[in-house]
């Protein structure tokens, strides 16, 4: 019998509701030193070590009951040991309207009991999170910075139906257990979601954390950057100064823009990104020169 160590089998599947606490703890570990989720949103995470997971649990519980959101987990199934979650990815379906999601099979009609249940659970979870289940690891001023950025509408035009970029399956977040990073877990999580987008014939999109751009481009998000999370008015978008956050697409099957038009769009985007860099915003990817030669030829 071979003495070689057997490689663990990794399975990608939908998360269950009872797994959400474990998923939240994994995300807290994975994002502990992240610029946005760690340093900016959770500056007191060292003093309140168990509280950062509350941020993820509250949001994931609400998303779990929303049919236009999918939370997939990567689990190990090697040997006879108990199944272990080693990664998680949260996808949401961006569409022109809730009616569009419903028509595509990813939403509830207004009269569905599940819709009422989701509304009630969302409000109860959020009320508990803001009162008796407070996240003391978070900065009160920055805790909802992502939601505030979304409410600003500064990025809405990026998901343009005229360019076949809406509907789109969007990566809200992805976390891999620190002990499993660099072992291909993230790629498996992304690939499973891309299959869904491809089967549906729609685009996929992601806002990459600073330094993760090449990973997502290798996964297939080769169109971009076409924007960034902090784009728009400095005073209107609270994510303006957060490093990175470049936005990439994997275009809908057979609906990718002509090469010349795509290259022009990316070139124009990079020009104003560099203007933002002159004002103080940072992108290690652009600073390193990695993103210098973009366009279809680089993808």
Protein backbone atom coordinates (compact mmCIF):
# COMPACT_ATOMS: atom_id res chain seq x y z
CA UNK A 1 0.00 0.00 0.00
CA UNK A 2 1.30 3.44 -0.89
CA UNK A 3 2.45 5.56 2.01
CA UNK A 4 1.74 8.75 0.08
CA UNK A 5 -0.69 11.10 1.78
CA UNK A 6 -4.06 11.05 0.08
CA UNK A 7 -5.23 14.42 -1.17
CA UNK A 8 -8.48 15.50 0.50
CA UNK A 9 -11.58 15.61 -1.67
CA UNK A 10 -13.22 19.03 -1.81
CA UNK A 11 -16.92 19.27 -2.59
CA UNK A 12 -18.79 22.47 -3.46
CA UNK A 13 -22.44 22.62 -2.39
CA UNK A 14 -25.09 24.97 -1.07
CA UNK A 15 -24.73 25.98 2.55
CA UNK A 16 -27.41 24.97 5.03
CA UNK A 17 -28.99 27.32 7.54
CA UNK A 18 -27.46 25.46 10.48
CA UNK A 19 -23.98 25.93 9.00
CA UNK A 20 -24.18 29.72 9.06
CA UNK A 21 -22.51 30.14 12.50
CA UNK A 22 -19.52 28.07 11.36
CA UNK A 23 -19.39 30.01 8.10
CA UNK A 24 -19.38 33.30 9.99
CA UNK A 25 -16.47 32.21 12.18
CA UNK A 26 -14.53 31.09 9.09
CA UNK A 27 -15.14 34.46 7.39
CA UNK A 28 -14.01 36.31 10.50
CA UNK A 29 -10.72 34.38 10.50
CA UNK A 30 -10.18 34.82 6.77
CA UNK A 31 -10.87 38.56 6.79
CA UNK A 32 -9.13 39.34 10.08
CA UNK A 33 -6.33 41.33 8.42
CA UNK A 34 -8.28 42.48 5.35
CA UNK A 35 -8.10 46.23 4.75
CA UNK A 36 -11.86 46.77 4.43
CA UNK A 37 -13.49 44.05 6.54
CA UNK A 38 -10.67 43.97 9.10
CA UNK A 39 -8.94 47.31 9.60
CA UNK A 40 -11.69 49.70 8.47
CA UNK A 41 -14.93 48.02 9.53
CA UNK A 42 -13.56 46.12 12.55
CA UNK A 43 -10.80 48.21 14.20
CA UNK A 44 -11.61 46.74 17.65
CA UNK A 45 -11.46 43.10 16.56
CA UNK A 46 -8.45 42.39 18.80
CA UNK A 47 -10.34 43.51 21.90
CA UNK A 48 -13.56 41.68 20.94
CA UNK A 49 -12.26 38.60 19.15
CA UNK A 50 -15.54 36.72 18.91
CA UNK A 51 -17.61 39.67 17.74
CA UNK A 52 -16.40 39.97 14.15
CA UNK A 53 -18.29 36.79 13.26
CA UNK A 54 -21.54 38.55 14.21
CA UNK A 55 -21.10 40.84 11.23
CA UNK A 56 -21.04 37.87 8.85
CA UNK A 57 -23.71 35.84 10.61
CA UNK A 58 -26.28 38.65 10.59
CA UNK A 59 -25.81 39.35 6.88
CA UNK A 60 -25.62 35.71 5.84
CA UNK A 61 -28.78 34.76 7.72
CA UNK A 62 -30.68 37.44 5.82
CA UNK A 63 -29.12 36.43 2.49
CA UNK A 64 -29.78 32.73 3.11
CA UNK A 65 -33.53 33.27 2.94
CA UNK A 66 -33.34 35.43 -0.19
CA UNK A 67 -33.73 33.35 -3.38
CA UNK A 68 -31.59 35.70 -5.48
CA UNK A 69 -28.63 34.97 -3.18
CA UNK A 70 -26.64 31.74 -3.12
CA UNK A 71 -24.12 30.84 -0.43
CA UNK A 72 -21.93 27.91 -1.44
CA UNK A 73 -19.42 26.16 0.79
CA UNK A 74 -16.34 24.10 0.09
CA UNK A 75 -16.17 21.06 2.36
CA UNK A 76 -13.61 18.32 2.83
CA UNK A 77 -14.90 14.78 2.56
CA UNK A 78 -11.66 12.80 2.86
CA UNK A 79 -11.40 9.80 5.16
CA UNK A 80 -13.95 9.11 7.86
CA UNK A 81 -13.55 12.42 9.63
CA UNK A 82 -16.45 14.78 10.18
CA UNK A 83 -17.15 17.07 7.23
CA UNK A 84 -15.28 20.36 7.53
CA UNK A 85 -16.10 23.68 5.86
CA UNK A 86 -12.92 25.19 4.39
CA UNK A 87 -14.34 27.95 2.20
CA UNK A 88 -17.45 29.96 1.42
CA UNK A 89 -18.64 32.17 -1.43
CA UNK A 90 -21.69 34.42 -1.50
CA UNK A 91 -23.27 35.17 -4.88
CA UNK A 92 -26.14 37.55 -5.57
CA UNK A 93 -28.10 37.96 -8.79
CA UNK A 94 -28.08 41.59 -9.88
CA UNK A 95 -31.05 42.30 -12.14
CA UNK A 96 -32.94 45.36 -13.42
CA UNK A 97 -35.70 44.63 -10.91
CA UNK A 98 -37.01 42.11 -8.40
CA UNK A 99 -39.62 41.19 -11.00
CA UNK A 100 -36.84 40.21 -13.40
CA UNK A 101 -35.31 37.91 -10.77
CA UNK A 102 -38.71 36.37 -10.11
CA UNK A 103 -39.34 35.82 -13.82
CA UNK A 104 -35.98 34.03 -14.08
CA UNK A 105 -36.82 31.79 -11.12
CA UNK A 106 -34.73 33.63 -8.52
CA UNK A 107 -37.35 35.52 -6.56
CA UNK A 108 -40.67 35.39 -4.74
CA UNK A 109 -43.98 36.83 -5.89
CA UNK A 110 -45.32 39.50 -3.55
CA UNK A 111 -47.90 37.08 -2.16
CA UNK A 112 -45.49 34.20 -1.41
CA UNK A 113 -45.34 33.29 2.33
CA UNK A 114 -41.56 32.97 1.97
CA UNK A 115 -41.34 36.64 1.05
CA UNK A 116 -43.15 37.62 4.23
CA UNK A 117 -40.93 35.27 6.24
CA UNK A 118 -37.80 36.82 4.74
CA UNK A 119 -39.05 40.30 5.60
CA UNK A 120 -39.79 39.34 9.21
CA UNK A 121 -36.54 37.43 9.75
CA UNK A 122 -34.49 40.23 8.20
CA UNK A 123 -35.97 42.80 10.54
CA UNK A 124 -35.61 40.61 13.62
CA UNK A 125 -31.98 39.74 12.82
CA UNK A 126 -31.08 43.35 12.09
CA UNK A 127 -32.81 44.62 15.25
CA UNK A 128 -31.00 42.04 17.38
CA UNK A 129 -27.69 42.88 15.72
CA UNK A 130 -28.14 46.58 16.46
CA UNK A 131 -29.24 46.09 20.08
CA UNK A 132 -28.77 42.96 22.19
CA UNK A 133 -26.30 41.26 19.86
CA UNK A 134 -24.06 44.24 19.25
CA UNK A 135 -20.84 43.86 17.27
CA UNK A 136 -18.36 45.71 19.47
CA UNK A 137 -15.45 44.83 17.19
CA UNK A 138 -16.87 47.19 14.57
CA UNK A 139 -16.56 50.94 14.20
CA UNK A 140 -20.07 52.45 14.50
CA UNK A 141 -19.14 54.99 11.83
CA UNK A 142 -17.82 52.40 9.34
CA UNK A 143 -19.89 49.31 10.11
CA UNK A 144 -22.35 49.90 7.25
CA UNK A 145 -19.89 51.51 4.84
CA UNK A 146 -20.63 48.95 2.10
CA UNK A 147 -24.38 49.38 2.40
CA UNK A 148 -23.92 53.17 2.32
CA UNK A 149 -21.83 52.88 -0.83
CA UNK A 150 -24.49 50.73 -2.49
CA UNK A 151 -27.18 53.24 -1.51
CA UNK A 152 -25.19 56.05 -3.15
CA UNK A 153 -25.87 54.48 -6.55
CA UNK A 154 -22.38 55.38 -7.79
CA UNK A 155 -21.89 51.94 -9.34
CA UNK A 156 -25.36 51.19 -10.65
CA UNK A 157 -24.55 52.19 -14.22
CA UNK A 158 -21.78 49.57 -14.44
CA UNK A 159 -24.29 46.71 -14.63
CA UNK A 160 -25.65 47.93 -17.94
CA UNK A 161 -28.29 45.77 -19.70
CA UNK A 162 -27.33 47.46 -22.99
CA UNK A 163 -23.89 45.87 -22.65
CA UNK A 164 -25.38 42.50 -21.60
CA UNK A 165 -23.97 42.97 -18.08
CA UNK A 166 -27.28 42.80 -16.31
CA UNK A 167 -28.53 40.36 -15.13
CA UNK A 168 -25.27 39.28 -13.54
CA UNK A 169 -24.21 36.84 -10.86
CA UNK A 170 -22.03 38.94 -8.57
CA UNK A 171 -19.56 37.74 -5.93
CA UNK A 172 -20.54 39.53 -2.73
CA UNK A 173 -17.71 37.91 -0.79
CA UNK A 174 -15.47 34.86 -0.72
CA UNK A 175 -13.50 33.51 2.22
CA UNK A 176 -11.15 30.55 2.52
CA UNK A 177 -9.97 29.09 5.81
CA UNK A 178 -6.43 30.43 6.43
CA UNK A 179 -5.16 26.84 6.75
CA UNK A 180 -6.52 26.07 3.27
CA UNK A 181 -5.50 29.15 1.36
CA UNK A 182 -3.31 28.51 -1.68
CA UNK A 183 -4.75 25.01 -2.21
CA UNK A 184 -7.23 25.77 -4.97
CA UNK A 185 -10.31 26.10 -2.78
CA UNK A 186 -11.09 29.62 -3.96
CA UNK A 187 -10.88 28.66 -7.62
CA UNK A 188 -13.29 25.75 -7.09
CA UNK A 189 -15.77 28.04 -5.35
CA UNK A 190 -15.63 30.58 -8.17
CA UNK A 191 -15.87 27.97 -10.93
CA UNK A 192 -19.05 26.48 -9.50
CA UNK A 193 -20.75 29.87 -9.58
CA UNK A 194 -19.51 30.61 -13.08
CA UNK A 195 -21.18 27.41 -14.27
CA UNK A 196 -24.49 28.76 -13.00
CA UNK A 197 -24.03 32.06 -14.85
CA UNK A 198 -23.03 30.24 -18.02
CA UNK A 199 -26.02 27.88 -17.87
CA UNK A 200 -28.32 30.86 -17.45
CA UNK A 201 -26.58 32.80 -20.22
CA UNK A 202 -25.77 35.85 -18.10
CA UNK A 203 -22.61 37.64 -17.03
CA UNK A 204 -20.67 37.23 -13.78
CA UNK A 205 -18.98 40.08 -11.95
CA UNK A 206 -16.69 40.74 -9.02
CA UNK A 207 -15.14 43.60 -7.10
CA UNK A 208 -11.64 42.34 -6.33
CA UNK A 209 -9.88 43.08 -3.06
CA UNK A 210 -6.55 44.85 -3.51
CA UNK A 211 -4.01 42.26 -4.68
CA UNK A 212 -6.60 39.68 -5.79
CA UNK A 213 -7.09 41.01 -9.33
CA UNK A 214 -4.90 38.44 -11.07
CA UNK A 215 -6.64 35.58 -9.26
CA UNK A 216 -10.03 36.61 -10.59
CA UNK A 217 -8.71 37.27 -14.10
CA UNK A 218 -7.28 33.75 -14.16
CA UNK A 219 -10.71 32.47 -13.11
CA UNK A 220 -12.24 34.09 -16.18
CA UNK A 221 -13.07 37.66 -15.18
CA UNK A 222 -11.01 39.08 -18.03
CA UNK A 223 -13.08 42.14 -18.92
CA UNK A 224 -11.88 45.07 -16.89
CA UNK A 225 -11.30 46.97 -14.88
CA UNK A 226 -14.47 48.82 -15.82
CA UNK A 227 -14.87 50.60 -12.49
CA UNK A 228 -14.05 50.41 -8.80
CA UNK A 229 -16.01 50.14 -5.57
CA UNK A 230 -15.16 53.72 -4.60
CA UNK A 231 -15.92 55.37 -7.92
CA UNK A 232 -17.84 58.62 -8.07
CA UNK A 233 -17.85 61.64 -5.81
CA UNK A 234 -15.45 61.49 -2.86
CA UNK A 235 -18.14 62.93 -0.59
CA UNK A 236 -20.92 60.69 -1.90
CA UNK A 237 -19.23 57.28 -1.96
CA UNK A 238 -17.76 56.29 1.44
CA UNK A 239 -15.56 53.63 -0.19
CA UNK A 240 -13.71 56.23 -2.27
CA UNK A 241 -10.41 56.01 -0.36
CA UNK A 242 -10.43 52.23 0.23
CA UNK A 243 -7.52 50.65 -1.72
CA UNK A 244 -8.27 48.33 -4.63
CA UNK A 245 -11.85 47.36 -5.32
CA UNK A 246 -11.46 47.06 -9.09
CA UNK A 247 -14.50 45.72 -10.92
CA UNK A 248 -14.23 42.92 -13.48
CA UNK A 249 -16.71 40.97 -15.59
CA UNK A 250 -16.94 37.60 -17.18
CA UNK A 251 -19.23 38.48 -20.03
CA UNK A 252 -22.39 36.56 -20.85
CA UNK A 253 -21.73 33.64 -23.24
CA UNK A 254 -21.58 34.86 -26.83
CA UNK A 255 -22.31 38.45 -25.83
CA UNK A 256 -18.86 39.88 -25.24
CA UNK A 257 -18.26 43.34 -26.67
CA UNK A 258 -16.18 43.82 -29.80
CA UNK A 259 -12.47 43.87 -28.97
CA UNK A 260 -12.00 47.50 -30.01
CA UNK A 261 -14.94 48.74 -27.95
CA UNK A 262 -13.89 46.69 -24.92
CA UNK A 263 -10.29 47.92 -25.06
CA UNK A 264 -11.48 51.51 -25.37
CA UNK A 265 -13.72 51.12 -22.32
CA UNK A 266 -10.91 49.65 -20.21
CA UNK A 267 -8.40 52.29 -21.37
CA UNK A 268 -10.77 55.11 -20.43
CA UNK A 269 -11.41 53.49 -17.05
CA UNK A 270 -7.69 53.14 -16.29
CA UNK A 271 -7.16 56.81 -17.16
CA UNK A 272 -9.58 58.05 -14.54
CA UNK A 273 -8.37 55.42 -12.08
CA UNK A 274 -4.91 56.95 -12.35
CA UNK A 275 -6.42 60.38 -11.73
CA UNK A 276 -7.95 58.99 -8.53
CA UNK A 277 -4.51 57.64 -7.60
CA UNK A 278 -3.13 61.17 -7.94
CA UNK A 279 -5.77 62.25 -5.39
CA UNK A 280 -4.71 59.60 -2.87
CA UNK A 281 -6.55 56.40 -3.76
CA UNK A 282 -4.29 53.34 -4.07
CA UNK A 283 -4.21 50.20 -6.20
CA UNK A 284 -1.22 47.91 -5.73
CA UNK A 285 -2.17 46.16 -8.99
CA UNK A 286 -1.96 49.35 -11.04
CA UNK A 287 1.03 50.66 -9.09
CA UNK A 288 3.02 47.50 -9.79
CA UNK A 289 2.43 47.81 -13.51
CA UNK A 290 0.59 44.48 -13.62
CA UNK A 291 -2.46 46.19 -15.02
CA UNK A 292 -0.57 48.27 -17.56
CA UNK A 293 -1.31 46.17 -20.64
CA UNK A 294 -4.97 45.36 -20.39
CA UNK A 295 -7.64 44.78 -22.98
CA UNK A 296 -8.63 41.60 -24.76
CA UNK A 297 -5.10 40.65 -25.71
CA UNK A 298 -4.10 40.46 -22.05
CA UNK A 299 -7.11 38.37 -21.07
